[in-house]
């Protein structure tokens, strides 16, 4: 979770965007980890049969492995944070009364789906989806601002 000071400065929409951005940042780190793994695997092997050793030194490889291990560890910690924030966001979203409002916020911010997928998930037009989204954000923001109490709203 993030600090209370940061949390107090956010509104509901900013919080949902924060949860969504955690996912995007983690996907980027996962790509970096994959690239670093490939780089380590493609390093030239050391040939000990020759008088002069050629290729990358074992200390270079071990440095890269240490960096990879550190990145994996940091990423794992951030995944835990994302999972916690997703669960928290989902609890708040589930406090909304309207099922369509809940669904649009879940698809967009918790599951990080694009607008076409959200529209398909709601079985609504683009215009209808954005209308529900706008209403959902208003209700969610009110819920978030009230100290995250689990209150249900009437549909408009």
Protein backbone atom coordinates (compact mmCIF):
# COMPACT_ATOMS: atom_id res chain seq x y z
CA UNK A 1 0.00 0.00 0.00
CA UNK A 2 1.07 3.57 -0.45
CA UNK A 3 1.51 6.13 2.35
CA UNK A 4 -1.43 7.77 4.10
CA UNK A 5 -0.24 11.20 2.94
CA UNK A 6 -0.38 10.16 -0.71
CA UNK A 7 -3.72 8.46 -0.16
CA UNK A 8 -5.24 11.61 1.37
CA UNK A 9 -4.26 13.65 -1.68
CA UNK A 10 -5.92 11.30 -4.17
CA UNK A 11 -9.51 11.24 -5.28
CA UNK A 12 -11.25 8.02 -6.27
CA UNK A 13 -10.38 8.23 -9.95
CA UNK A 14 -6.72 8.92 -9.18
CA UNK A 15 -6.65 5.90 -6.90
CA UNK A 16 -8.09 3.68 -9.64
CA UNK A 17 -5.56 5.08 -12.13
CA UNK A 18 -2.81 4.37 -9.59
CA UNK A 19 -3.90 0.71 -9.36
CA UNK A 20 -3.99 0.49 -13.15
CA UNK A 21 -0.54 2.08 -13.45
CA UNK A 22 0.96 -0.45 -11.02
CA UNK A 23 0.03 -3.19 -13.46
CA UNK A 24 1.55 -1.35 -16.43
CA UNK A 25 4.80 -0.67 -14.55
CA UNK A 26 5.07 -4.31 -13.52
CA UNK A 27 4.58 -5.49 -17.10
CA UNK A 28 7.50 -3.24 -18.11
CA UNK A 29 9.68 -4.73 -15.35
CA UNK A 30 8.71 -8.24 -16.44
CA UNK A 31 9.89 -7.34 -19.95
CA UNK A 32 13.20 -6.06 -18.51
CA UNK A 33 13.65 -9.30 -16.56
CA UNK A 34 13.01 -11.36 -19.68
CA UNK A 35 15.50 -9.29 -21.70
CA UNK A 36 18.15 -9.58 -18.97
CA UNK A 37 17.65 -13.36 -18.91
CA UNK A 38 18.15 -13.49 -22.68
CA UNK A 39 21.26 -11.32 -22.41
CA UNK A 40 22.78 -13.62 -19.81
CA UNK A 41 22.01 -16.70 -21.88
CA UNK A 42 23.62 -15.24 -24.99
CA UNK A 43 26.88 -14.22 -23.33
CA UNK A 44 29.87 -15.90 -24.91
CA UNK A 45 30.98 -18.93 -22.93
CA UNK A 46 34.45 -19.17 -21.43
CA UNK A 47 36.80 -21.59 -23.15
CA UNK A 48 39.24 -23.01 -20.56
CA UNK A 49 40.99 -25.31 -23.07
CA UNK A 50 42.95 -22.42 -24.61
CA UNK A 51 46.00 -20.77 -23.07
CA UNK A 52 44.27 -17.42 -23.29
CA UNK A 53 40.75 -17.34 -22.00
CA UNK A 54 38.35 -15.61 -24.34
CA UNK A 55 34.81 -14.53 -23.84
CA UNK A 56 33.06 -12.79 -21.01
CA UNK A 57 34.62 -13.09 -17.59
CA UNK A 58 32.75 -15.04 -14.95
CA UNK A 59 32.58 -11.91 -12.78
CA UNK A 60 30.66 -10.10 -15.57
CA UNK A 61 28.18 -12.95 -15.76
CA UNK A 62 27.81 -13.17 -11.98
CA UNK A 63 27.25 -9.37 -11.81
CA UNK A 64 24.47 -9.71 -14.36
CA UNK A 65 22.96 -12.63 -12.47
CA UNK A 66 23.04 -10.62 -9.24
CA UNK A 67 21.32 -7.69 -10.98
CA UNK A 68 18.72 -10.05 -12.40
CA UNK A 69 18.14 -11.58 -8.98
CA UNK A 70 17.71 -8.13 -7.40
CA UNK A 71 15.26 -7.08 -10.13
CA UNK A 72 13.25 -10.27 -9.68
CA UNK A 73 13.12 -9.70 -5.92
CA UNK A 74 11.95 -6.08 -6.29
CA UNK A 75 9.39 -7.10 -8.88
CA UNK A 76 8.06 -9.85 -6.65
CA UNK A 77 7.55 -7.31 -3.84
CA UNK A 78 5.76 -4.99 -6.25
CA UNK A 79 3.51 -7.84 -7.44
CA UNK A 80 2.49 -8.37 -3.81
CA UNK A 81 1.68 -4.66 -3.57
CA UNK A 82 -0.35 -4.79 -6.79
CA UNK A 83 -2.32 -7.79 -5.59
CA UNK A 84 -3.09 -6.03 -2.29
CA UNK A 85 -4.18 -2.84 -4.06
CA UNK A 86 -6.30 -4.77 -6.56
CA UNK A 87 -8.08 -6.55 -3.71
CA UNK A 88 -8.65 -3.25 -1.91
CA UNK A 89 -9.93 -1.57 -5.08
CA UNK A 90 -12.19 -4.52 -5.81
CA UNK A 91 -13.68 -4.37 -2.30
CA UNK A 92 -14.44 -0.68 -2.77
CA UNK A 93 -15.85 -1.23 -6.25
CA UNK A 94 -18.04 -4.06 -4.99
CA UNK A 95 -19.60 -1.60 -2.57
CA UNK A 96 -21.25 0.17 -5.48
CA UNK A 97 -24.90 -0.73 -5.95
CA UNK A 98 -25.14 -0.76 -9.75
CA UNK A 99 -23.77 -3.93 -11.34
CA UNK A 100 -22.79 -2.11 -14.56
CA UNK A 101 -20.86 0.51 -12.63
CA UNK A 102 -19.00 -2.22 -10.78
CA UNK A 103 -18.25 -4.09 -13.99
CA UNK A 104 -16.91 -1.09 -15.90
CA UNK A 105 -14.54 -0.14 -13.06
CA UNK A 106 -13.38 -3.72 -12.57
CA UNK A 107 -12.66 -4.29 -16.23
CA UNK A 108 -10.96 -0.95 -16.78
CA UNK A 109 -8.94 -0.45 -13.59
CA UNK A 110 -8.56 -3.79 -11.85
CA UNK A 111 -8.15 -5.99 -14.93
CA UNK A 112 -6.60 -3.23 -17.11
CA UNK A 113 -8.77 -3.90 -20.15
CA UNK A 114 -9.03 -1.60 -23.14
CA UNK A 115 -12.23 0.26 -23.93
CA UNK A 116 -13.29 -2.17 -26.66
CA UNK A 117 -13.05 -5.07 -24.21
CA UNK A 118 -14.95 -3.07 -21.58
CA UNK A 119 -17.71 -2.31 -24.10
CA UNK A 120 -17.91 -5.98 -25.05
CA UNK A 121 -17.93 -7.00 -21.38
CA UNK A 122 -20.87 -4.70 -20.71
CA UNK A 123 -22.54 -5.47 -24.03
CA UNK A 124 -23.04 -1.73 -24.54
CA UNK A 125 -22.21 0.86 -27.12
CA UNK A 126 -19.25 3.17 -26.77
CA UNK A 127 -21.49 6.05 -25.70
CA UNK A 128 -23.41 3.96 -23.15
CA UNK A 129 -20.17 2.58 -21.71
CA UNK A 130 -18.73 6.05 -21.17
CA UNK A 131 -21.98 7.22 -19.58
CA UNK A 132 -21.86 4.32 -17.11
CA UNK A 133 -18.15 4.92 -16.54
CA UNK A 134 -18.71 8.58 -15.72
CA UNK A 135 -21.50 7.75 -13.28
CA UNK A 136 -19.41 4.95 -11.73
CA UNK A 137 -16.49 7.31 -11.17
CA UNK A 138 -18.75 9.84 -9.46
CA UNK A 139 -20.11 7.18 -7.12
CA UNK A 140 -16.72 5.62 -6.52
CA UNK A 141 -15.15 9.01 -5.82
CA UNK A 142 -17.83 9.75 -3.24
CA UNK A 143 -17.24 6.36 -1.63
CA UNK A 144 -13.48 6.86 -1.65
CA UNK A 145 -13.73 10.38 -0.23
CA UNK A 146 -15.96 9.25 2.64
CA UNK A 147 -13.14 7.23 4.04
CA UNK A 148 -13.72 4.09 2.07
CA UNK A 149 -16.87 3.08 3.94
CA UNK A 150 -18.82 0.33 2.24
CA UNK A 151 -21.95 2.20 1.22
CA UNK A 152 -24.32 1.23 -1.52
CA UNK A 153 -25.72 3.81 -3.91
CA UNK A 154 -29.04 3.96 -5.65
CA UNK A 155 -28.93 3.95 -9.40
CA UNK A 156 -29.70 7.17 -11.16
